[in-house]
Amino acid sequence: MQKIHPSFAWMVAGISLGALGLLLLMGQPFTAKAQEQKRFQYQIVEVLPDTQNMQSKLNEFGSSGWELVAVSMGNMTEPRLIFKK
């Protein structure tokens, strides 16, 4: 069995640690980019209180990428659909 010279072992360990450190430094911009704050748009739409009209508006905004997040009754006669994109 051959013995490994201690200086060779230290050199391999140093290169390995240097490569690991370089990978960690290169990975930091990707983690910072992933933590960017999300931005949303909101849209409030008043509709007539009948099912057909509400369904039409929901489909219209949904097909444009808007997501319904809340329904407010406002003055109790005209529902307000609150969308988020």
PDB file of N, CA and C in Angstrom:
ATOM      1  N   MET A   1       0.830  -1.183   0.000  1.00  0.00           N
ATOM      2  CA  MET A   1       0.000   0.000   0.000  1.00  0.00           C
ATOM      3  C   MET A   1       0.877   1.250   0.000  1.00  0.00           C
ATOM      4  N   GLN A   2       0.527   2.225  -0.837  1.00  0.00           N
ATOM      5  CA  GLN A   2       1.322   3.442  -0.932  1.00  0.00           C
ATOM      6  C   GLN A   2       0.849   4.471   0.073  1.00  0.00           C
ATOM      7  N   LYS A   3       1.781   5.224   0.597  1.00  0.00           N
ATOM      8  CA  LYS A   3       1.448   6.315   1.501  1.00  0.00           C
ATOM      9  C   LYS A   3       1.280   7.599   0.695  1.00  0.00           C
ATOM     10  N   ILE A   4       0.308   8.376   1.080  1.00  0.00           N
ATOM     11  CA  ILE A   4       0.090   9.671   0.442  1.00  0.00           C
ATOM     12  C   ILE A   4       0.881  10.705   1.218  1.00  0.00           C
ATOM     13  N   HIS A   5       1.660  11.476   0.492  1.00  0.00           N
ATOM     14  CA  HIS A   5       2.479  12.504   1.130  1.00  0.00           C
ATOM     15  C   HIS A   5       1.564  13.563   1.747  1.00  0.00           C
ATOM     16  N   PRO A   6       1.825  13.991   2.994  1.00  0.00           N
ATOM     17  CA  PRO A   6       0.958  14.958   3.678  1.00  0.00           C
ATOM     18  C   PRO A   6       0.784  16.269   2.913  1.00  0.00           C
ATOM     19  N   SER A   7       1.827  16.755   2.241  1.00  0.00           N
ATOM     20  CA  SER A   7       1.689  18.026   1.519  1.00  0.00           C
ATOM     21  C   SER A   7       0.735  17.872   0.334  1.00  0.00           C
ATOM     22  N   PHE A   8       0.712  16.701  -0.297  1.00  0.00           N
ATOM     23  CA  PHE A   8      -0.216  16.444  -1.392  1.00  0.00           C
ATOM     24  C   PHE A   8      -1.653  16.425  -0.874  1.00  0.00           C
ATOM     25  N   ALA A   9      -1.868  15.805   0.274  1.00  0.00           N
ATOM     26  CA  ALA A   9      -3.197  15.748   0.879  1.00  0.00           C
ATOM     27  C   ALA A   9      -3.678  17.154   1.229  1.00  0.00           C
ATOM     28  N   TRP A  10      -2.792  17.998   1.763  1.00  0.00           N
ATOM     29  CA  TRP A  10      -3.173  19.378   2.088  1.00  0.00           C
ATOM     30  C   TRP A  10      -3.498  20.175   0.822  1.00  0.00           C
ATOM     31  N   MET A  11      -2.750  19.905  -0.241  1.00  0.00           N
ATOM     32  CA  MET A  11      -2.999  20.609  -1.498  1.00  0.00           C
ATOM     33  C   MET A  11      -4.377  20.234  -2.057  1.00  0.00           C
ATOM     34  N   VAL A  12      -4.716  18.945  -2.037  1.00  0.00           N
ATOM     35  CA  VAL A  12      -6.024  18.495  -2.517  1.00  0.00           C
ATOM     36  C   VAL A  12      -7.138  19.088  -1.654  1.00  0.00           C
ATOM     37  N   ALA A  13      -6.944  19.107  -0.338  1.00  0.00           N
ATOM     38  CA  ALA A  13      -7.944  19.677   0.566  1.00  0.00           C
ATOM     39  C   ALA A  13      -8.117  21.170   0.299  1.00  0.00           C
ATOM     40  N   GLY A  14      -7.035  21.871   0.067  1.00  0.00           N
ATOM     41  CA  GLY A  14      -7.108  23.311  -0.205  1.00  0.00           C
ATOM     42  C   GLY A  14      -7.840  23.606  -1.505  1.00  0.00           C
ATOM     43  N   ILE A  15      -7.540  22.838  -2.541  1.00  0.00           N
ATOM     44  CA  ILE A  15      -8.216  23.031  -3.827  1.00  0.00           C
ATOM     45  C   ILE A  15      -9.705  22.729  -3.687  1.00  0.00           C
ATOM     46  N   SER A  16     -10.036  21.673  -2.963  1.00  0.00           N
ATOM     47  CA  SER A  16     -11.441  21.308  -2.767  1.00  0.00           C
ATOM     48  C   SER A  16     -12.190  22.398  -2.014  1.00  0.00           C
ATOM     49  N   LEU A  17     -11.602  22.919  -0.946  1.00  0.00           N
ATOM     50  CA  LEU A  17     -12.250  23.978  -0.178  1.00  0.00           C
ATOM     51  C   LEU A  17     -12.364  25.266  -0.993  1.00  0.00           C
ATOM     52  N   GLY A  18     -11.352  25.571  -1.793  1.00  0.00           N
ATOM     53  CA  GLY A  18     -11.408  26.750  -2.652  1.00  0.00           C
ATOM     54  C   GLY A  18     -12.524  26.644  -3.679  1.00  0.00           C
ATOM     55  N   ALA A  19     -12.674  25.453  -4.278  1.00  0.00           N
ATOM     56  CA  ALA A  19     -13.737  25.240  -5.260  1.00  0.00           C
ATOM     57  C   ALA A  19     -15.108  25.356  -4.600  1.00  0.00           C
ATOM     58  N   LEU A  20     -15.245  24.805  -3.405  1.00  0.00           N
ATOM     59  CA  LEU A  20     -16.507  24.897  -2.673  1.00  0.00           C
ATOM     60  C   LEU A  20     -16.845  26.354  -2.343  1.00  0.00           C
ATOM     61  N   GLY A  21     -15.843  27.107  -1.893  1.00  0.00           N
ATOM     62  CA  GLY A  21     -16.054  28.524  -1.597  1.00  0.00           C
ATOM     63  C   GLY A  21     -16.456  29.309  -2.833  1.00  0.00           C
ATOM     64  N   LEU A  22     -15.839  29.000  -3.974  1.00  0.00           N
ATOM     65  CA  LEU A  22     -16.181  29.670  -5.227  1.00  0.00           C
ATOM     66  C   LEU A  22     -17.621  29.364  -5.627  1.00  0.00           C
ATOM     67  N   LEU A  23     -18.037  28.124  -5.474  1.00  0.00           N
ATOM     68  CA  LEU A  23     -19.418  27.757  -5.782  1.00  0.00           C
ATOM     69  C   LEU A  23     -20.405  28.481  -4.878  1.00  0.00           C
ATOM     70  N   LEU A  24     -20.079  28.605  -3.611  1.00  0.00           N
ATOM     71  CA  LEU A  24     -20.959  29.313  -2.681  1.00  0.00           C
ATOM     72  C   LEU A  24     -21.061  30.793  -3.028  1.00  0.00           C
ATOM     73  N   LEU A  25     -19.945  31.401  -3.413  1.00  0.00           N
ATOM     74  CA  LEU A  25     -19.973  32.817  -3.789  1.00  0.00           C
ATOM     75  C   LEU A  25     -20.763  33.038  -5.077  1.00  0.00           C
ATOM     76  N   MET A  26     -20.635  32.129  -6.014  1.00  0.00           N
ATOM     77  CA  MET A  26     -21.354  32.264  -7.282  1.00  0.00           C
ATOM     78  C   MET A  26     -22.852  32.036  -7.091  1.00  0.00           C
ATOM     79  N   GLY A  27     -23.235  31.263  -6.103  1.00  0.00           N
ATOM     80  CA  GLY A  27     -24.636  30.960  -5.866  1.00  0.00           C
ATOM     81  C   GLY A  27     -25.397  32.074  -5.180  1.00  0.00           C
ATOM     82  N   GLN A  28     -24.707  33.023  -4.553  1.00  0.00           N
ATOM     83  CA  GLN A  28     -25.384  34.093  -3.814  1.00  0.00           C
ATOM     84  C   GLN A  28     -26.274  34.977  -4.677  1.00  0.00           C
ATOM     85  N   PRO A  29     -25.871  35.399  -5.876  1.00  0.00           N
ATOM     86  CA  PRO A  29     -26.782  36.243  -6.657  1.00  0.00           C
ATOM     87  C   PRO A  29     -28.102  35.558  -6.987  1.00  0.00           C
ATOM     88  N   PHE A  30     -28.077  34.247  -7.162  1.00  0.00           N
ATOM     89  CA  PHE A  30     -29.296  33.526  -7.482  1.00  0.00           C
ATOM     90  C   PHE A  30     -30.252  33.513  -6.296  1.00  0.00           C
ATOM     91  N   THR A  31     -29.736  33.360  -5.083  1.00  0.00           N
ATOM     92  CA  THR A  31     -30.618  33.372  -3.911  1.00  0.00           C
ATOM     93  C   THR A  31     -31.158  34.769  -3.670  1.00  0.00           C
ATOM     94  N   ALA A  32     -30.348  35.801  -3.913  1.00  0.00           N
ATOM     95  CA  ALA A  32     -30.831  37.173  -3.727  1.00  0.00           C
ATOM     96  C   ALA A  32     -31.918  37.485  -4.749  1.00  0.00           C
ATOM     97  N   LYS A  33     -31.759  36.999  -5.969  1.00  0.00           N
ATOM     98  CA  LYS A  33     -32.746  37.252  -7.001  1.00  0.00           C
ATOM     99  C   LYS A  33     -34.070  36.556  -6.669  1.00  0.00           C
ATOM    100  N   ALA A  34     -34.002  35.369  -6.100  1.00  0.00           N
ATOM    101  CA  ALA A  34     -35.209  34.618  -5.764  1.00  0.00           C
ATOM    102  C   ALA A  34     -35.992  35.283  -4.635  1.00  0.00           C
ATOM    103  N   GLN A  35     -35.339  36.136  -3.856  1.00  0.00           N
ATOM    104  CA  GLN A  35     -36.005  36.760  -2.720  1.00  0.00           C
ATOM    105  C   GLN A  35     -36.584  38.132  -3.047  1.00  0.00           C
ATOM    106  N   GLU A  36     -36.611  38.508  -4.345  1.00  0.00           N
ATOM    107  CA  GLU A  36     -37.193  39.791  -4.715  1.00  0.00           C
ATOM    108  C   GLU A  36     -38.657  39.827  -4.322  1.00  0.00           C
ATOM    109  N   GLN A  37     -39.102  40.977  -3.873  1.00  0.00           N
ATOM    110  CA  GLN A  37     -40.478  41.133  -3.430  1.00  0.00           C
ATOM    111  C   GLN A  37     -41.426  41.078  -4.621  1.00  0.00           C
ATOM    112  N   LYS A  38     -42.491  40.320  -4.492  1.00  0.00           N
ATOM    113  CA  LYS A  38     -43.480  40.220  -5.553  1.00  0.00           C
ATOM    114  C   LYS A  38     -44.323  41.488  -5.586  1.00  0.00           C
ATOM    115  N   ARG A  39     -44.750  41.856  -6.775  1.00  0.00           N
ATOM    116  CA  ARG A  39     -45.592  43.036  -6.949  1.00  0.00           C
ATOM    117  C   ARG A  39     -46.907  42.594  -7.577  1.00  0.00           C
ATOM    118  N   PHE A  40     -47.991  43.143  -7.082  1.00  0.00           N
ATOM    119  CA  PHE A  40     -49.318  42.772  -7.561  1.00  0.00           C
ATOM    120  C   PHE A  40     -50.066  44.007  -8.033  1.00  0.00           C
ATOM    121  N   GLN A  41     -51.010  43.782  -8.933  1.00  0.00           N
ATOM    122  CA  GLN A  41     -51.967  44.798  -9.343  1.00  0.00           C
ATOM    123  C   GLN A  41     -53.325  44.355  -8.817  1.00  0.00           C
ATOM    124  N   TYR A  42     -54.167  45.302  -8.490  1.00  0.00           N
ATOM    125  CA  TYR A  42     -55.510  44.990  -8.028  1.00  0.00           C
ATOM    126  C   TYR A  42     -56.525  45.732  -8.887  1.00  0.00           C
ATOM    127  N   GLN A  43     -57.656  45.112  -9.080  1.00  0.00           N
ATOM    128  CA  GLN A  43     -58.737  45.708  -9.875  1.00  0.00           C
ATOM    129  C   GLN A  43     -60.045  45.480  -9.122  1.00  0.00           C
ATOM    130  N   ILE A  44     -60.824  46.531  -8.918  1.00  0.00           N
ATOM    131  CA  ILE A  44     -62.125  46.431  -8.254  1.00  0.00           C
ATOM    132  C   ILE A  44     -63.202  46.703  -9.294  1.00  0.00           C
ATOM    133  N   VAL A  45     -64.139  45.762  -9.427  1.00  0.00           N
ATOM    134  CA  VAL A  45     -65.186  45.869 -10.446  1.00  0.00           C
ATOM    135  C   VAL A  45     -66.540  45.750  -9.778  1.00  0.00           C
ATOM    136  N   GLU A  46     -67.403  46.743  -9.976  1.00  0.00           N
ATOM    137  CA  GLU A  46     -68.774  46.668  -9.466  1.00  0.00           C
ATOM    138  C   GLU A  46     -69.634  46.001 -10.532  1.00  0.00           C
ATOM    139  N   VAL A  47     -70.451  45.042 -10.115  1.00  0.00           N
ATOM    140  CA  VAL A  47     -71.306  44.310 -11.056  1.00  0.00           C
ATOM    141  C   VAL A  47     -72.745  44.313 -10.563  1.00  0.00           C
ATOM    142  N   LEU A  48     -73.653  44.034 -11.486  1.00  0.00           N
ATOM    143  CA  LEU A  48     -75.051  43.872 -11.094  1.00  0.00           C
ATOM    144  C   LEU A  48     -75.187  42.562 -10.331  1.00  0.00           C
ATOM    145  N   PRO A  49     -76.109  42.502  -9.355  1.00  0.00           N
ATOM    146  CA  PRO A  49     -76.185  41.317  -8.491  1.00  0.00           C
ATOM    147  C   PRO A  49     -76.945  40.136  -9.110  1.00  0.00           C
ATOM    148  N   ASP A  50     -76.714  39.867 -10.389  1.00  0.00           N
ATOM    149  CA  ASP A  50     -77.330  38.659 -10.944  1.00  0.00           C
ATOM    150  C   ASP A  50     -76.226  37.686 -11.367  1.00  0.00           C
ATOM    151  N   THR A  51     -76.524  36.413 -11.271  1.00  0.00           N
ATOM    152  CA  THR A  51     -75.532  35.361 -11.480  1.00  0.00           C
ATOM    153  C   THR A  51     -74.900  35.421 -12.869  1.00  0.00           C
ATOM    154  N   GLN A  52     -75.697  35.631 -13.891  1.00  0.00           N
ATOM    155  CA  GLN A  52     -75.188  35.645 -15.268  1.00  0.00           C
ATOM    156  C   GLN A  52     -74.182  36.783 -15.472  1.00  0.00           C
ATOM    157  N   ASN A  53     -74.505  37.955 -14.970  1.00  0.00           N
ATOM    158  CA  ASN A  53     -73.609  39.108 -15.103  1.00  0.00           C
ATOM    159  C   ASN A  53     -72.306  38.879 -14.341  1.00  0.00           C
ATOM    160  N   MET A  54     -72.411  38.374 -13.116  1.00  0.00           N
ATOM    161  CA  MET A  54     -71.209  38.122 -12.312  1.00  0.00           C
ATOM    162  C   MET A  54     -70.323  37.071 -12.973  1.00  0.00           C
ATOM    163  N   GLN A  55     -70.941  36.006 -13.479  1.00  0.00           N
ATOM    164  CA  GLN A  55     -70.178  34.941 -14.125  1.00  0.00           C
ATOM    165  C   GLN A  55     -69.476  35.458 -15.382  1.00  0.00           C
ATOM    166  N   SER A  56     -70.135  36.315 -16.113  1.00  0.00           N
ATOM    167  CA  SER A  56     -69.540  36.913 -17.309  1.00  0.00           C
ATOM    168  C   SER A  56     -68.294  37.728 -16.945  1.00  0.00           C
ATOM    169  N   LYS A  57     -68.400  38.552 -15.904  1.00  0.00           N
ATOM    170  CA  LYS A  57     -67.257  39.363 -15.464  1.00  0.00           C
ATOM    171  C   LYS A  57     -66.126  38.498 -14.927  1.00  0.00           C
ATOM    172  N   LEU A  58     -66.471  37.450 -14.160  1.00  0.00           N
ATOM    173  CA  LEU A  58     -65.442  36.549 -13.636  1.00  0.00           C
ATOM    174  C   LEU A  58     -64.673  35.884 -14.773  1.00  0.00           C
ATOM    175  N   ASN A  59     -65.384  35.407 -15.784  1.00  0.00           N
ATOM    176  CA  ASN A  59     -64.731  34.769 -16.928  1.00  0.00           C
ATOM    177  C   ASN A  59     -63.896  35.760 -17.730  1.00  0.00           C
ATOM    178  N   GLU A  60     -64.410  36.967 -17.890  1.00  0.00           N
ATOM    179  CA  GLU A  60     -63.694  38.000 -18.645  1.00  0.00           C
ATOM    180  C   GLU A  60     -62.354  38.324 -17.984  1.00  0.00           C
ATOM    181  N   PHE A  61     -62.383  38.590 -16.686  1.00  0.00           N
ATOM    182  CA  PHE A  61     -61.149  38.948 -15.988  1.00  0.00           C
ATOM    183  C   PHE A  61     -60.238  37.737 -15.790  1.00  0.00           C
ATOM    184  N   GLY A  62     -60.827  36.571 -15.567  1.00  0.00           N
ATOM    185  CA  GLY A  62     -60.025  35.359 -15.407  1.00  0.00           C
ATOM    186  C   GLY A  62     -59.241  35.023 -16.661  1.00  0.00           C
ATOM    187  N   SER A  63     -59.841  35.220 -17.820  1.00  0.00           N
ATOM    188  CA  SER A  63     -59.139  34.916 -19.074  1.00  0.00           C
ATOM    189  C   SER A  63     -58.012  35.909 -19.345  1.00  0.00           C
ATOM    190  N   SER A  64     -58.047  37.051 -18.681  1.00  0.00           N
ATOM    191  CA  SER A  64     -56.981  38.052 -18.832  1.00  0.00           C
ATOM    192  C   SER A  64     -55.901  37.900 -17.764  1.00  0.00           C
ATOM    193  N   GLY A  65     -55.983  36.846 -16.965  1.00  0.00           N
ATOM    194  CA  GLY A  65     -54.949  36.596 -15.962  1.00  0.00           C
ATOM    195  C   GLY A  65     -55.239  37.136 -14.586  1.00  0.00           C
ATOM    196  N   TRP A  66     -56.442  37.686 -14.360  1.00  0.00           N
ATOM    197  CA  TRP A  66     -56.809  38.212 -13.050  1.00  0.00           C
ATOM    198  C   TRP A  66     -57.377  37.087 -12.199  1.00  0.00           C
ATOM    199  N   GLU A  67     -57.062  37.107 -10.908  1.00  0.00           N
ATOM    200  CA  GLU A  67     -57.568  36.113  -9.955  1.00  0.00           C
ATOM    201  C   GLU A  67     -58.493  36.806  -8.955  1.00  0.00           C
ATOM    202  N   LEU A  68     -59.684  36.241  -8.755  1.00  0.00           N
ATOM    203  CA  LEU A  68     -60.619  36.795  -7.781  1.00  0.00           C
ATOM    204  C   LEU A  68     -60.089  36.514  -6.384  1.00  0.00           C
ATOM    205  N   VAL A  69     -59.947  37.576  -5.568  1.00  0.00           N
ATOM    206  CA  VAL A  69     -59.433  37.395  -4.213  1.00  0.00           C
ATOM    207  C   VAL A  69     -60.452  37.750  -3.138  1.00  0.00           C
ATOM    208  N   ALA A  70     -61.485  38.524  -3.503  1.00  0.00           N
ATOM    209  CA  ALA A  70     -62.494  38.898  -2.502  1.00  0.00           C
ATOM    210  C   ALA A  70     -63.743  39.418  -3.194  1.00  0.00           C
ATOM    211  N   VAL A  71     -64.855  39.353  -2.470  1.00  0.00           N
ATOM    212  CA  VAL A  71     -66.107  39.948  -2.927  1.00  0.00           C
ATOM    213  C   VAL A  71     -66.615  40.813  -1.792  1.00  0.00           C
ATOM    214  N   SER A  72     -66.822  42.083  -2.088  1.00  0.00           N
ATOM    215  CA  SER A  72     -67.332  43.025  -1.098  1.00  0.00           C
ATOM    216  C   SER A  72     -68.720  43.452  -1.538  1.00  0.00           C
ATOM    217  N   MET A  73     -69.637  43.585  -0.606  1.00  0.00           N
ATOM    218  CA  MET A  73     -71.006  43.949  -0.967  1.00  0.00           C
ATOM    219  C   MET A  73     -71.219  45.459  -1.013  1.00  0.00           C
ATOM    220  N   GLY A  74     -70.265  46.251  -0.616  1.00  0.00           N
ATOM    221  CA  GLY A  74     -70.412  47.706  -0.717  1.00  0.00           C
ATOM    222  C   GLY A  74     -71.686  48.183  -0.051  1.00  0.00           C
ATOM    223  N   ASN A  75     -72.614  48.756  -0.839  1.00  0.00           N
ATOM    224  CA  ASN A  75     -73.871  49.269  -0.290  1.00  0.00           C
ATOM    225  C   ASN A  75     -74.979  48.208  -0.299  1.00  0.00           C
ATOM    226  N   MET A  76     -74.603  46.954  -0.389  1.00  0.00           N
ATOM    227  CA  MET A  76     -75.497  45.786  -0.329  1.00  0.00           C
ATOM    228  C   MET A  76     -76.329  45.587  -1.595  1.00  0.00           C
ATOM    229  N   THR A  77     -76.179  46.441  -2.602  1.00  0.00           N
ATOM    230  CA  THR A  77     -76.944  46.246  -3.837  1.00  0.00           C
ATOM    231  C   THR A  77     -76.044  45.936  -5.027  1.00  0.00           C
ATOM    232  N   GLU A  78     -74.800  46.370  -4.989  1.00  0.00           N
ATOM    233  CA  GLU A  78     -73.870  46.111  -6.080  1.00  0.00           C
ATOM    234  C   GLU A  78     -72.611  45.441  -5.546  1.00  0.00           C
ATOM    235  N   PRO A  79     -72.449  44.154  -5.803  1.00  0.00           N
ATOM    236  CA  PRO A  79     -71.237  43.474  -5.341  1.00  0.00           C
ATOM    237  C   PRO A  79     -69.988  44.040  -6.022  1.00  0.00           C
ATOM    238  N   ARG A  80     -68.907  44.068  -5.282  1.00  0.00           N
ATOM    239  CA  ARG A  80     -67.617  44.478  -5.824  1.00  0.00           C
ATOM    240  C   ARG A  80     -66.714  43.254  -5.883  1.00  0.00           C
ATOM    241  N   LEU A  81     -66.256  42.936  -7.070  1.00  0.00           N
ATOM    242  CA  LEU A  81     -65.333  41.829  -7.268  1.00  0.00           C
ATOM    243  C   LEU A  81     -63.918  42.400  -7.216  1.00  0.00           C
ATOM    244  N   ILE A  82     -63.076  41.839  -6.372  1.00  0.00           N
ATOM    245  CA  ILE A  82     -61.714  42.341  -6.222  1.00  0.00           C
ATOM    246  C   ILE A  82     -60.759  41.296  -6.801  1.00  0.00           C
ATOM    247  N   PHE A  83     -60.048  41.707  -7.838  1.00  0.00           N
ATOM    248  CA  PHE A  83     -59.131  40.821  -8.551  1.00  0.00           C
ATOM    249  C   PHE A  83     -57.689  41.216  -8.269  1.00  0.00           C
ATOM    250  N   LYS A  84     -56.795  40.234  -8.420  1.00  0.00           N
ATOM    251  CA  LYS A  84     -55.363  40.448  -8.224  1.00  0.00           C
ATOM    252  C   LYS A  84     -54.624  39.809  -9.391  1.00  0.00           C
ATOM    253  N   LYS A  85     -53.568  40.471  -9.850  1.00  0.00           N
ATOM    254  CA  LYS A  85     -52.741  39.943 -10.940  1.00  0.00           C
ATOM    255  C   LYS A  85     -51.287  40.064 -10.549  1.00  0.00           C
TER     256      LYS A  85
END
